[in-house]
C-alpha atoms as a PDB file:
ATOM      1  CA  UNK A   1      -2.405  32.749   2.948  1.00  0.00           C
ATOM      2  CA  UNK A   2      -6.304  32.844   3.192  1.00  0.00           C
ATOM      3  CA  UNK A   3      -7.584  35.947   3.388  1.00  0.00           C
ATOM      4  CA  UNK A   4      -8.846  36.028   7.262  1.00  0.00           C
ATOM      5  CA  UNK A   5      -5.437  33.787   8.959  1.00  0.00           C
ATOM      6  CA  UNK A   6      -3.569  35.400  11.704  1.00  0.00           C
ATOM      7  CA  UNK A   7      -0.253  36.881  10.176  1.00  0.00           C
ATOM      8  CA  UNK A   8       1.343  35.079  12.938  1.00  0.00           C
ATOM      9  CA  UNK A   9      -0.212  31.900  11.824  1.00  0.00           C
ATOM     10  CA  UNK A  10       1.503  29.391   8.825  1.00  0.00           C
ATOM     11  CA  UNK A  11      -1.165  28.791   6.846  1.00  0.00           C
ATOM     12  CA  UNK A  12      -0.370  26.764   3.662  1.00  0.00           C
ATOM     13  CA  UNK A  13      -1.965  27.521  -0.107  1.00  0.00           C
ATOM     14  CA  UNK A  14      -4.724  25.478   0.413  1.00  0.00           C
ATOM     15  CA  UNK A  15      -6.092  27.043   3.861  1.00  0.00           C
ATOM     16  CA  UNK A  16      -4.966  24.561   6.090  1.00  0.00           C
ATOM     17  CA  UNK A  17      -3.177  26.035   9.583  1.00  0.00           C
ATOM     18  CA  UNK A  18      -0.049  24.168  10.384  1.00  0.00           C
ATOM     19  CA  UNK A  19       0.102  23.580  14.779  1.00  0.00           C
ATOM     20  CA  UNK A  20       2.039  20.551  14.376  1.00  0.00           C
ATOM     21  CA  UNK A  21       5.843  19.679  14.518  1.00  0.00           C
ATOM     22  CA  UNK A  22       7.292  16.303  13.974  1.00  0.00           C
ATOM     23  CA  UNK A  23      11.056  16.972  15.223  1.00  0.00           C
ATOM     24  CA  UNK A  24      13.143  14.109  14.412  1.00  0.00           C
ATOM     25  CA  UNK A  25      16.673  14.449  16.752  1.00  0.00           C
ATOM     26  CA  UNK A  26      18.178  10.924  15.234  1.00  0.00           C
ATOM     27  CA  UNK A  27      17.777   8.621  12.533  1.00  0.00           C
ATOM     28  CA  UNK A  28      19.108   5.832  14.140  1.00  0.00           C
ATOM     29  CA  UNK A  29      17.317   3.124  16.104  1.00  0.00           C
ATOM     30  CA  UNK A  30      17.756   0.006  17.858  1.00  0.00           C
ATOM     31  CA  UNK A  31      15.117  -1.947  16.246  1.00  0.00           C
ATOM     32  CA  UNK A  32      14.685  -2.924  12.300  1.00  0.00           C
ATOM     33  CA  UNK A  33      10.749  -2.730  11.653  1.00  0.00           C
ATOM     34  CA  UNK A  34      10.746  -4.393   8.084  1.00  0.00           C
ATOM     35  CA  UNK A  35       8.141  -1.158   6.765  1.00  0.00           C
ATOM     36  CA  UNK A  36      10.034   1.458   8.370  1.00  0.00           C
ATOM     37  CA  UNK A  37      13.971   0.258   8.167  1.00  0.00           C
ATOM     38  CA  UNK A  38      15.583  -2.763   6.073  1.00  0.00           C
ATOM     39  CA  UNK A  39      17.543  -5.182   7.974  1.00  0.00           C
ATOM     40  CA  UNK A  40      21.371  -4.526   7.966  1.00  0.00           C
ATOM     41  CA  UNK A  41      21.075  -0.804   7.305  1.00  0.00           C
ATOM     42  CA  UNK A  42      23.849   1.297   8.259  1.00  0.00           C
ATOM     43  CA  UNK A  43      23.830   4.122   6.687  1.00  0.00           C
ATOM     44  CA  UNK A  44      22.145   6.962   8.446  1.00  0.00           C
ATOM     45  CA  UNK A  45      23.385  11.028   8.058  1.00  0.00           C
ATOM     46  CA  UNK A  46      27.118  11.488   9.842  1.00  0.00           C
ATOM     47  CA  UNK A  47      26.592  13.581  13.272  1.00  0.00           C
ATOM     48  CA  UNK A  48      28.111  16.058  12.236  1.00  0.00           C
ATOM     49  CA  UNK A  49      25.167  16.790   9.811  1.00  0.00           C
ATOM     50  CA  UNK A  50      22.241  16.831  12.377  1.00  0.00           C
ATOM     51  CA  UNK A  51      21.446  19.615  13.719  1.00  0.00           C
ATOM     52  CA  UNK A  52      22.581  21.010  16.870  1.00  0.00           C
ATOM     53  CA  UNK A  53      20.426  21.313  20.476  1.00  0.00           C
ATOM     54  CA  UNK A  54      20.570  24.917  19.306  1.00  0.00           C
ATOM     55  CA  UNK A  55      19.593  24.933  15.913  1.00  0.00           C
ATOM     56  CA  UNK A  56      16.757  22.558  16.959  1.00  0.00           C
ATOM     57  CA  UNK A  57      15.702  24.748  19.863  1.00  0.00           C
ATOM     58  CA  UNK A  58      15.996  28.177  17.246  1.00  0.00           C
ATOM     59  CA  UNK A  59      14.546  26.369  14.337  1.00  0.00           C
ATOM     60  CA  UNK A  60      11.521  25.089  16.966  1.00  0.00           C
ATOM     61  CA  UNK A  61      11.454  28.719  18.169  1.00  0.00           C
ATOM     62  CA  UNK A  62      10.648  30.090  14.976  1.00  0.00           C
ATOM     63  CA  UNK A  63       7.663  27.576  14.270  1.00  0.00           C
ATOM     64  CA  UNK A  64       5.909  28.355  17.885  1.00  0.00           C
ATOM     65  CA  UNK A  65       6.762  31.594  16.895  1.00  0.00           C
ATOM     66  CA  UNK A  66       4.291  31.078  13.938  1.00  0.00           C
ATOM     67  CA  UNK A  67       1.622  29.340  15.640  1.00  0.00           C
ATOM     68  CA  UNK A  68       3.281  25.769  15.783  1.00  0.00           C
ATOM     69  CA  UNK A  69       1.652  24.521  19.479  1.00  0.00           C
ATOM     70  CA  UNK A  70       2.285  20.549  19.400  1.00  0.00           C
ATOM     71  CA  UNK A  71       5.882  19.204  18.849  1.00  0.00           C
ATOM     72  CA  UNK A  72       6.330  15.604  18.796  1.00  0.00           C
ATOM     73  CA  UNK A  73      10.142  14.234  19.522  1.00  0.00           C
ATOM     74  CA  UNK A  74      10.621  11.420  16.758  1.00  0.00           C
ATOM     75  CA  UNK A  75      13.241   9.669  15.438  1.00  0.00           C
ATOM     76  CA  UNK A  76      14.607   6.770  14.401  1.00  0.00           C
ATOM     77  CA  UNK A  77      14.284   6.406  18.182  1.00  0.00           C
ATOM     78  CA  UNK A  78      14.382   9.557  20.003  1.00  0.00           C
ATOM     79  CA  UNK A  79      16.187   7.502  22.747  1.00  0.00           C
ATOM     80  CA  UNK A  80      19.622   7.392  21.277  1.00  0.00           C
ATOM     81  CA  UNK A  81      20.335  10.684  21.087  1.00  0.00           C
ATOM     82  CA  UNK A  82      22.646  11.835  24.076  1.00  0.00           C
ATOM     83  CA  UNK A  83      21.142  14.588  26.534  1.00  0.00           C
ATOM     84  CA  UNK A  84      17.328  14.490  24.705  1.00  0.00           C
ATOM     85  CA  UNK A  85      15.554  15.194  28.383  1.00  0.00           C
ATOM     86  CA  UNK A  86      17.783  18.331  28.092  1.00  0.00           C
ATOM     87  CA  UNK A  87      16.596  19.067  25.114  1.00  0.00           C
ATOM     88  CA  UNK A  88      13.337  18.703  25.812  1.00  0.00           C
ATOM     89  CA  UNK A  89      13.253  21.014  29.155  1.00  0.00           C
ATOM     90  CA  UNK A  90      14.619  23.647  26.439  1.00  0.00           C
ATOM     91  CA  UNK A  91      11.603  22.908  24.095  1.00  0.00           C
ATOM     92  CA  UNK A  92       9.504  22.668  26.718  1.00  0.00           C
ATOM     93  CA  UNK A  93      10.195  26.402  28.060  1.00  0.00           C
ATOM     94  CA  UNK A  94       9.566  28.074  24.909  1.00  0.00           C
ATOM     95  CA  UNK A  95       6.916  30.625  24.454  1.00  0.00           C
ATOM     96  CA  UNK A  96       3.375  29.203  22.830  1.00  0.00           C
ATOM     97  CA  UNK A  97       4.075  25.336  22.695  1.00  0.00           C
ATOM     98  CA  UNK A  98       1.065  23.886  24.288  1.00  0.00           C
ATOM     99  CA  UNK A  99       2.205  20.341  23.858  1.00  0.00           C
ATOM    100  CA  UNK A 100       5.197  18.243  24.431  1.00  0.00           C
ATOM    101  CA  UNK A 101       5.477  14.660  23.058  1.00  0.00           C
ATOM    102  CA  UNK A 102       6.999  11.805  22.062  1.00  0.00           C
ATOM    103  CA  UNK A 103       7.202   9.166  19.765  1.00  0.00           C
ATOM    104  CA  UNK A 104       9.212   6.120  20.885  1.00  0.00           C
ATOM    105  CA  UNK A 105       9.411   2.406  20.439  1.00  0.00           C
ATOM    106  CA  UNK A 106      10.103   2.326  24.749  1.00  0.00           C
ATOM    107  CA  UNK A 107      13.482  -0.145  24.212  1.00  0.00           C
ATOM    108  CA  UNK A 108      15.176   2.206  26.605  1.00  0.00           C
ATOM    109  CA  UNK A 109      12.001   4.112  28.219  1.00  0.00           C
ATOM    110  CA  UNK A 110      12.591   2.743  31.687  1.00  0.00           C
ATOM    111  CA  UNK A 111      15.690   4.451  32.030  1.00  0.00           C
ATOM    112  CA  UNK A 112      14.052   7.920  30.506  1.00  0.00           C
ATOM    113  CA  UNK A 113      10.755   7.899  31.493  1.00  0.00           C
ATOM    114  CA  UNK A 114      11.359  10.126  34.724  1.00  0.00           C
ATOM    115  CA  UNK A 115      13.689  12.716  33.308  1.00  0.00           C
ATOM    116  CA  UNK A 116      11.462  12.875  30.809  1.00  0.00           C
ATOM    117  CA  UNK A 117       8.857  13.999  32.432  1.00  0.00           C
ATOM    118  CA  UNK A 118      10.726  15.996  34.829  1.00  0.00           C
ATOM    119  CA  UNK A 119      11.954  18.001  31.370  1.00  0.00           C
ATOM    120  CA  UNK A 120       8.325  18.613  30.613  1.00  0.00           C
ATOM    121  CA  UNK A 121       7.479  15.474  27.910  1.00  0.00           C
ATOM    122  CA  UNK A 122       3.998  14.964  28.470  1.00  0.00           C
ATOM    123  CA  UNK A 123       2.455  12.281  26.571  1.00  0.00           C
ATOM    124  CA  UNK A 124       3.860   9.541  24.594  1.00  0.00           C
ATOM    125  CA  UNK A 125       2.927   7.013  21.280  1.00  0.00           C
ATOM    126  CA  UNK A 126       4.576   3.544  21.275  1.00  0.00           C
ATOM    127  CA  UNK A 127       5.268   1.188  18.779  1.00  0.00           C
ATOM    128  CA  UNK A 128       4.126  -2.281  19.246  1.00  0.00           C
ATOM    129  CA  UNK A 129       3.016  -4.350  16.808  1.00  0.00           C
ATOM    130  CA  UNK A 130       2.608  -7.658  18.756  1.00  0.00           C
ATOM    131  CA  UNK A 131       2.098  -9.176  22.025  1.00  0.00           C
ATOM    132  CA  UNK A 132       3.781 -11.990  20.574  1.00  0.00           C
ATOM    133  CA  UNK A 133       7.715 -12.160  21.440  1.00  0.00           C
ATOM    134  CA  UNK A 134       8.315 -14.614  18.231  1.00  0.00           C
ATOM    135  CA  UNK A 135       6.020 -12.349  15.890  1.00  0.00           C
ATOM    136  CA  UNK A 136       7.802  -9.234  17.704  1.00  0.00           C
ATOM    137  CA  UNK A 137      11.127 -10.293  17.497  1.00  0.00           C
ATOM    138  CA  UNK A 138      10.636 -11.413  13.322  1.00  0.00           C
ATOM    139  CA  UNK A 139       9.152  -7.908  12.954  1.00  0.00           C
ATOM    140  CA  UNK A 140      11.776  -5.938  14.774  1.00  0.00           C
ATOM    141  CA  UNK A 141      14.295  -7.843  15.626  1.00  0.00           C
ATOM    142  CA  UNK A 142      14.162  -6.716  19.283  1.00  0.00           C
ATOM    143  CA  UNK A 143      12.604  -8.178  22.369  1.00  0.00           C
ATOM    144  CA  UNK A 144       9.185  -8.178  23.382  1.00  0.00           C
ATOM    145  CA  UNK A 145      10.151  -7.688  27.412  1.00  0.00           C
ATOM    146  CA  UNK A 146      11.814  -5.024  27.301  1.00  0.00           C
ATOM    147  CA  UNK A 147       9.424  -3.163  25.507  1.00  0.00           C
ATOM    148  CA  UNK A 148       6.660  -3.893  28.092  1.00  0.00           C
ATOM    149  CA  UNK A 149       8.966  -3.029  30.975  1.00  0.00           C
ATOM    150  CA  UNK A 150       9.487   0.309  29.158  1.00  0.00           C
ATOM    151  CA  UNK A 151       5.999   0.970  28.387  1.00  0.00           C
ATOM    152  CA  UNK A 152       5.108   0.469  32.348  1.00  0.00           C
ATOM    153  CA  UNK A 153       8.093   2.690  33.547  1.00  0.00           C
ATOM    154  CA  UNK A 154       6.186   5.548  31.215  1.00  0.00           C
ATOM    155  CA  UNK A 155       3.032   4.959  32.556  1.00  0.00           C
ATOM    156  CA  UNK A 156       4.215   5.185  36.268  1.00  0.00           C
ATOM    157  CA  UNK A 157       6.315   8.250  36.045  1.00  0.00           C
ATOM    158  CA  UNK A 158       2.564   9.830  34.813  1.00  0.00           C
ATOM    159  CA  UNK A 159       2.981  10.416  30.808  1.00  0.00           C
ATOM    160  CA  UNK A 160      -0.593  10.377  30.145  1.00  0.00           C
ATOM    161  CA  UNK A 161      -1.795   9.780  27.458  1.00  0.00           C
ATOM    162  CA  UNK A 162      -0.461   7.109  26.319  1.00  0.00           C
ATOM    163  CA  UNK A 163      -1.600   5.820  22.395  1.00  0.00           C
ATOM    164  CA  UNK A 164      -0.333   2.412  21.329  1.00  0.00           C
ATOM    165  CA  UNK A 165       0.611   2.362  17.718  1.00  0.00           C
ATOM    166  CA  UNK A 166       0.320  -0.959  15.982  1.00  0.00           C
ATOM    167  CA  UNK A 167       1.113  -1.360  12.078  1.00  0.00           C
ATOM    168  CA  UNK A 168      -1.244  -3.943  10.773  1.00  0.00           C
ATOM    169  CA  UNK A 169       0.220  -6.436   8.343  1.00  0.00           C
ATOM    170  CA  UNK A 170      -1.876  -8.866   6.687  1.00  0.00           C
ATOM    171  CA  UNK A 171      -0.884 -12.266   7.719  1.00  0.00           C
ATOM    172  CA  UNK A 172       1.374 -11.190  10.072  1.00  0.00           C
ATOM    173  CA  UNK A 173      -0.309  -9.718  12.884  1.00  0.00           C
ATOM    174  CA  UNK A 174      -3.873  -9.111  12.091  1.00  0.00           C
ATOM    175  CA  UNK A 175      -5.263 -12.095  13.921  1.00  0.00           C
ATOM    176  CA  UNK A 176      -4.141 -10.366  17.300  1.00  0.00           C
ATOM    177  CA  UNK A 177      -5.440  -6.559  17.075  1.00  0.00           C
ATOM    178  CA  UNK A 178      -8.156  -8.190  19.775  1.00  0.00           C
ATOM    179  CA  UNK A 179      -5.733  -9.957  22.188  1.00  0.00           C
ATOM    180  CA  UNK A 180      -3.809  -5.922  21.553  1.00  0.00           C
ATOM    181  CA  UNK A 181      -6.770  -4.197  21.824  1.00  0.00           C
ATOM    182  CA  UNK A 182      -7.428  -6.317  24.981  1.00  0.00           C
ATOM    183  CA  UNK A 183      -4.137  -5.009  26.589  1.00  0.00           C
ATOM    184  CA  UNK A 184      -5.104  -1.169  25.794  1.00  0.00           C
ATOM    185  CA  UNK A 185      -8.048  -1.699  27.697  1.00  0.00           C
ATOM    186  CA  UNK A 186      -6.462  -3.211  31.021  1.00  0.00           C
ATOM    187  CA  UNK A 187      -4.548  -0.155  30.872  1.00  0.00           C
ATOM    188  CA  UNK A 188      -6.134   2.603  29.946  1.00  0.00           C
ATOM    189  CA  UNK A 189      -4.252   2.600  26.565  1.00  0.00           C
ATOM    190  CA  UNK A 190      -5.605   4.423  23.477  1.00  0.00           C
ATOM    191  CA  UNK A 191      -4.855   2.018  20.680  1.00  0.00           C
ATOM    192  CA  UNK A 192      -4.557   3.481  16.893  1.00  0.00           C
ATOM    193  CA  UNK A 193      -4.206   1.015  13.995  1.00  0.00           C
ATOM    194  CA  UNK A 194      -1.994   2.255  10.762  1.00  0.00           C
ATOM    195  CA  UNK A 195      -2.469   0.799   7.212  1.00  0.00           C
ATOM    196  CA  UNK A 196       1.089  -0.371   5.680  1.00  0.00           C
ATOM    197  CA  UNK A 197       2.449   2.312   3.142  1.00  0.00           C
ATOM    198  CA  UNK A 198       3.966   1.715   0.396  1.00  0.00           C
ATOM    199  CA  UNK A 199       7.472   3.994   1.063  1.00  0.00           C
ATOM    200  CA  UNK A 200      11.031   3.551   2.009  1.00  0.00           C
ATOM    201  CA  UNK A 201      12.074   0.176   2.401  1.00  0.00           C
ATOM    202  CA  UNK A 202       8.751  -1.581   3.026  1.00  0.00           C
ATOM    203  CA  UNK A 203       7.358   0.243  -0.148  1.00  0.00           C
ATOM    204  CA  UNK A 204       8.072  -3.273  -2.468  1.00  0.00           C
ATOM    205  CA  UNK A 205       6.345  -5.643   0.533  1.00  0.00           C
ATOM    206  CA  UNK A 206       3.334  -3.762   1.472  1.00  0.00           C
ATOM    207  CA  UNK A 207       1.247  -5.170  -1.656  1.00  0.00           C
ATOM    208  CA  UNK A 208       1.006  -8.357   0.192  1.00  0.00           C
ATOM    209  CA  UNK A 209       0.574  -7.079   3.925  1.00  0.00           C
ATOM    210  CA  UNK A 210      -1.736  -4.330   3.112  1.00  0.00           C
ATOM    211  CA  UNK A 211      -4.902  -4.855   5.140  1.00  0.00           C
ATOM    212  CA  UNK A 212      -7.928  -1.985   4.745  1.00  0.00           C
ATOM    213  CA  UNK A 213      -8.604  -1.007   7.960  1.00  0.00           C
ATOM    214  CA  UNK A 214     -12.565  -0.666   7.598  1.00  0.00           C
ATOM    215  CA  UNK A 215     -12.363  -4.735   7.063  1.00  0.00           C
ATOM    216  CA  UNK A 216     -10.246  -4.343  11.010  1.00  0.00           C
ATOM    217  CA  UNK A 217     -13.298  -2.498  12.117  1.00  0.00           C
ATOM    218  CA  UNK A 218     -15.948  -4.414  11.471  1.00  0.00           C
ATOM    219  CA  UNK A 219     -14.195  -7.459  12.683  1.00  0.00           C
ATOM    220  CA  UNK A 220     -13.674  -5.878  16.111  1.00  0.00           C
ATOM    221  CA  UNK A 221     -17.302  -4.638  16.661  1.00  0.00           C
ATOM    222  CA  UNK A 222     -18.519  -8.000  16.268  1.00  0.00           C
ATOM    223  CA  UNK A 223     -16.456  -8.650  19.708  1.00  0.00           C
ATOM    224  CA  UNK A 224     -16.510  -5.281  21.311  1.00  0.00           C
ATOM    225  CA  UNK A 225     -18.972  -2.270  21.629  1.00  0.00           C
ATOM    226  CA  UNK A 226     -18.230   0.432  19.630  1.00  0.00           C
ATOM    227  CA  UNK A 227     -19.478   4.249  19.543  1.00  0.00           C
ATOM    228  CA  UNK A 228     -17.573   6.645  17.446  1.00  0.00           C
ATOM    229  CA  UNK A 229     -15.733   9.292  19.395  1.00  0.00           C
ATOM    230  CA  UNK A 230     -13.656  12.392  19.273  1.00  0.00           C
ATOM    231  CA  UNK A 231      -9.900  12.749  21.193  1.00  0.00           C
ATOM    232  CA  UNK A 232      -8.698  16.460  21.160  1.00  0.00           C
ATOM    233  CA  UNK A 233      -5.993  16.608  19.106  1.00  0.00           C
ATOM    234  CA  UNK A 234      -6.284  13.053  17.742  1.00  0.00           C
ATOM    235  CA  UNK A 235      -4.754  13.751  14.454  1.00  0.00           C
ATOM    236  CA  UNK A 236      -5.296  11.686  11.742  1.00  0.00           C
ATOM    237  CA  UNK A 237      -7.048   9.389  13.153  1.00  0.00           C
ATOM    238  CA  UNK A 238     -11.268   8.300  13.428  1.00  0.00           C
ATOM    239  CA  UNK A 239     -11.736   7.053  16.648  1.00  0.00           C
ATOM    240  CA  UNK A 240     -14.531   4.824  18.716  1.00  0.00           C
ATOM    241  CA  UNK A 241     -14.509   4.657  22.172  1.00  0.00           C
ATOM    242  CA  UNK A 242     -14.934   1.270  23.409  1.00  0.00           C
ATOM    243  CA  UNK A 243     -17.864   0.944  25.328  1.00  0.00           C
ATOM    244  CA  UNK A 244     -17.102   0.393  29.733  1.00  0.00           C
ATOM    245  CA  UNK A 245     -13.459   1.511  28.644  1.00  0.00           C
ATOM    246  CA  UNK A 246     -11.461   4.418  29.232  1.00  0.00           C
ATOM    247  CA  UNK A 247      -9.742   2.737  25.749  1.00  0.00           C
ATOM    248  CA  UNK A 248     -10.637   4.467  22.170  1.00  0.00           C
ATOM    249  CA  UNK A 249      -9.563   2.744  19.143  1.00  0.00           C
ATOM    250  CA  UNK A 250      -8.340   5.064  15.889  1.00  0.00           C
ATOM    251  CA  UNK A 251      -8.431   4.113  12.706  1.00  0.00           C
ATOM    252  CA  UNK A 252      -5.477   5.755  10.548  1.00  0.00           C
ATOM    253  CA  UNK A 253      -5.904   5.041   6.896  1.00  0.00           C
ATOM    254  CA  UNK A 254      -3.738   6.792   4.698  1.00  0.00           C
ATOM    255  CA  UNK A 255      -4.133   4.149   1.957  1.00  0.00           C
ATOM    256  CA  UNK A 256      -7.998   3.282   1.763  1.00  0.00           C
ATOM    257  CA  UNK A 257      -9.206   6.861   3.036  1.00  0.00           C
ATOM    258  CA  UNK A 258      -6.216   9.573   3.308  1.00  0.00           C
ATOM    259  CA  UNK A 259      -7.044  12.677   5.882  1.00  0.00           C
ATOM    260  CA  UNK A 260      -4.990  15.278   3.644  1.00  0.00           C
ATOM    261  CA  UNK A 261      -7.571  17.649   3.829  1.00  0.00           C
ATOM    262  CA  UNK A 262      -7.413  18.038   7.163  1.00  0.00           C
ATOM    263  CA  UNK A 263      -3.223  17.622   7.135  1.00  0.00           C
ATOM    264  CA  UNK A 264      -1.614  20.282  10.228  1.00  0.00           C
ATOM    265  CA  UNK A 265       2.135  18.838  10.717  1.00  0.00           C
ATOM    266  CA  UNK A 266       5.377  19.000   8.940  1.00  0.00           C
ATOM    267  CA  UNK A 267       8.109  16.953   9.736  1.00  0.00           C
ATOM    268  CA  UNK A 268      11.611  18.209  10.210  1.00  0.00           C
ATOM    269  CA  UNK A 269      14.391  15.577   9.608  1.00  0.00           C
ATOM    270  CA  UNK A 270      17.944  15.546  11.925  1.00  0.00           C
ATOM    271  CA  UNK A 271      19.691  17.075   8.998  1.00  0.00           C
ATOM    272  CA  UNK A 272      17.596  20.213   9.188  1.00  0.00           C
ATOM    273  CA  UNK A 273      15.358  19.177   6.027  1.00  0.00           C
ATOM    274  CA  UNK A 274      11.876  20.163   6.261  1.00  0.00           C
ATOM    275  CA  UNK A 275       9.562  17.668   5.079  1.00  0.00           C
ATOM    276  CA  UNK A 276       5.870  19.237   4.378  1.00  0.00           C
ATOM    277  CA  UNK A 277       4.268  15.582   3.000  1.00  0.00           C
ATOM    278  CA  UNK A 278       5.316  11.992   4.040  1.00  0.00           C
ATOM    279  CA  UNK A 279       4.138  10.824   0.939  1.00  0.00           C
ATOM    280  CA  UNK A 280       5.662  13.200  -1.493  1.00  0.00           C
ATOM    281  CA  UNK A 281       9.186  13.825  -2.119  1.00  0.00           C
ATOM    282  CA  UNK A 282       9.326  17.931  -1.549  1.00  0.00           C
ATOM    283  CA  UNK A 283      11.377  19.012   0.784  1.00  0.00           C
ATOM    284  CA  UNK A 284      12.886  22.596   2.096  1.00  0.00           C
ATOM    285  CA  UNK A 285      16.942  22.309   3.423  1.00  0.00           C
ATOM    286  CA  UNK A 286      17.501  24.853   6.501  1.00  0.00           C
ATOM    287  CA  UNK A 287      20.690  23.382   7.666  1.00  0.00           C
ATOM    288  CA  UNK A 288      22.681  25.289   5.223  1.00  0.00           C
ATOM    289  CA  UNK A 289      20.430  28.139   5.788  1.00  0.00           C
ATOM    290  CA  UNK A 290      21.139  28.303   9.594  1.00  0.00           C
ATOM    291  CA  UNK A 291      25.099  27.711   9.133  1.00  0.00           C
ATOM    292  CA  UNK A 292      25.165  30.800   7.181  1.00  0.00           C
ATOM    293  CA  UNK A 293      23.868  33.022   9.728  1.00  0.00           C
ATOM    294  CA  UNK A 294      20.549  34.245   8.625  1.00  0.00           C
ATOM    295  CA  UNK A 295      18.528  36.234  11.221  1.00  0.00           C
ATOM    296  CA  UNK A 296      14.994  35.471  12.741  1.00  0.00           C
ATOM    297  CA  UNK A 297      13.401  37.666  10.281  1.00  0.00           C
ATOM    298  CA  UNK A 298      14.667  35.546   7.685  1.00  0.00           C
ATOM    299  CA  UNK A 299      14.148  32.007   8.883  1.00  0.00           C
ATOM    300  CA  UNK A 300      10.532  32.982   9.867  1.00  0.00           C
ATOM    301  CA  UNK A 301      10.340  34.106   5.478  1.00  0.00           C
ATOM    302  CA  UNK A 302      12.005  30.567   5.367  1.00  0.00           C
ATOM    303  CA  UNK A 303       9.300  28.902   6.846  1.00  0.00           C
ATOM    304  CA  UNK A 304       6.653  30.305   5.089  1.00  0.00           C
ATOM    305  CA  UNK A 305       8.260  29.783   1.730  1.00  0.00           C
ATOM    306  CA  UNK A 306       8.565  26.671   3.058  1.00  0.00           C
ATOM    307  CA  UNK A 307       4.829  25.989   4.020  1.00  0.00           C
ATOM    308  CA  UNK A 308       3.541  27.402   0.435  1.00  0.00           C
ATOM    309  CA  UNK A 309       5.055  23.997  -1.152  1.00  0.00           C
ATOM    310  CA  UNK A 310       2.953  21.745   1.238  1.00  0.00           C
ATOM    311  CA  UNK A 311       1.028  19.634  -1.063  1.00  0.00           C
ATOM    312  CA  UNK A 312      -2.263  19.337  -1.450  1.00  0.00           C
ATOM    313  CA  UNK A 313      -2.314  15.134  -0.945  1.00  0.00           C
ATOM    314  CA  UNK A 314      -0.010  12.511  -0.792  1.00  0.00           C
ATOM    315  CA  UNK A 315      -0.518   9.982  -4.066  1.00  0.00           C
ATOM    316  CA  UNK A 316       0.645   6.942  -2.099  1.00  0.00           C
ATOM    317  CA  UNK A 317      -2.119   5.180  -3.481  1.00  0.00           C
ATOM    318  CA  UNK A 318      -1.807   6.241  -7.146  1.00  0.00           C
ATOM    319  CA  UNK A 319       1.937   5.857  -7.468  1.00  0.00           C
ATOM    320  CA  UNK A 320       2.697   3.539  -4.766  1.00  0.00           C
ATOM    321  CA  UNK A 321       6.724   2.888  -4.293  1.00  0.00           C
ATOM    322  CA  UNK A 322       7.514   6.701  -5.665  1.00  0.00           C
ATOM    323  CA  UNK A 323       8.574   7.799  -2.180  1.00  0.00           C
ATOM    324  CA  UNK A 324      11.944   5.888  -1.255  1.00  0.00           C
ATOM    325  CA  UNK A 325      13.338   7.346   1.895  1.00  0.00           C
ATOM    326  CA  UNK A 326      12.627   5.315   4.964  1.00  0.00           C
ATOM    327  CA  UNK A 327      10.480   6.342   7.236  1.00  0.00           C
ATOM    328  CA  UNK A 328      12.850   6.508  10.205  1.00  0.00           C
ATOM    329  CA  UNK A 329      14.774   9.268   8.428  1.00  0.00           C
ATOM    330  CA  UNK A 330      11.723  11.728   9.121  1.00  0.00           C
ATOM    331  CA  UNK A 331      10.568  10.306  12.105  1.00  0.00           C
ATOM    332  CA  UNK A 332       7.675   8.893  10.069  1.00  0.00           C
END
């Protein structure tokens, strides 16, 4: 911990304060995006090994007591966890939690947008890799129309801002980024483009589909008037505003230009494993500790020990393919 850091804050060995928790509530998903979860995958944790809602609220409460202010519900697909609005309401009521958001593929959002909004979820990140039904099906195995209906339901329910996340894949969807941006401009959404990462199910195919986003930015700048901008809580993306619109476009570049120096997040998997870096295997198991009856002081001590293990940076570029776990297992 740095000398001037508050005793109530989680600060890692490199002076980064941890204020953001990505919370995976399930490792199940109803889509099969090739870069995240392999087709035909039947694995995952047994439900008995999932953290219960009470255990989740307890851990998140310990995090917020130590300065975490933003929690994002993730999966797999979080809407597959039964009773999710009830969990969201319990989390939203925790002292110190300023921002509760969700990442979703929106296949089920039409039924959940209103209950989630009432429960205290305010913002949505949605995965949308194509606006062409046949390409969307090839990437995900799902139906584009169902997702678009879900996104509209979220907008009508008042979830805002809505950020569209698009993994850019050379030879797959890189020729329609302009169309996806135009879709976002028409609706006032933010678009975030993401480089493919050599990990999990897609690590072997990544080199064939990898495209540095600076190349995409130069192409977009020829059609759209872009100027550098900032977004509060914008995370790892570097943003441009699109002139004469409310839309920003963010570029998330874990490979071509990593952002590890400002990383403020950790990831809690549904089985209670705390993952300290998306691009490294190091983790800290919490489930057995929780079920062994540790008290709140001991839980806080373990969280501090875990954060002290957070590495300085990932090595996805130097050691591609070293991370074998799927993105679905830890919420991306």
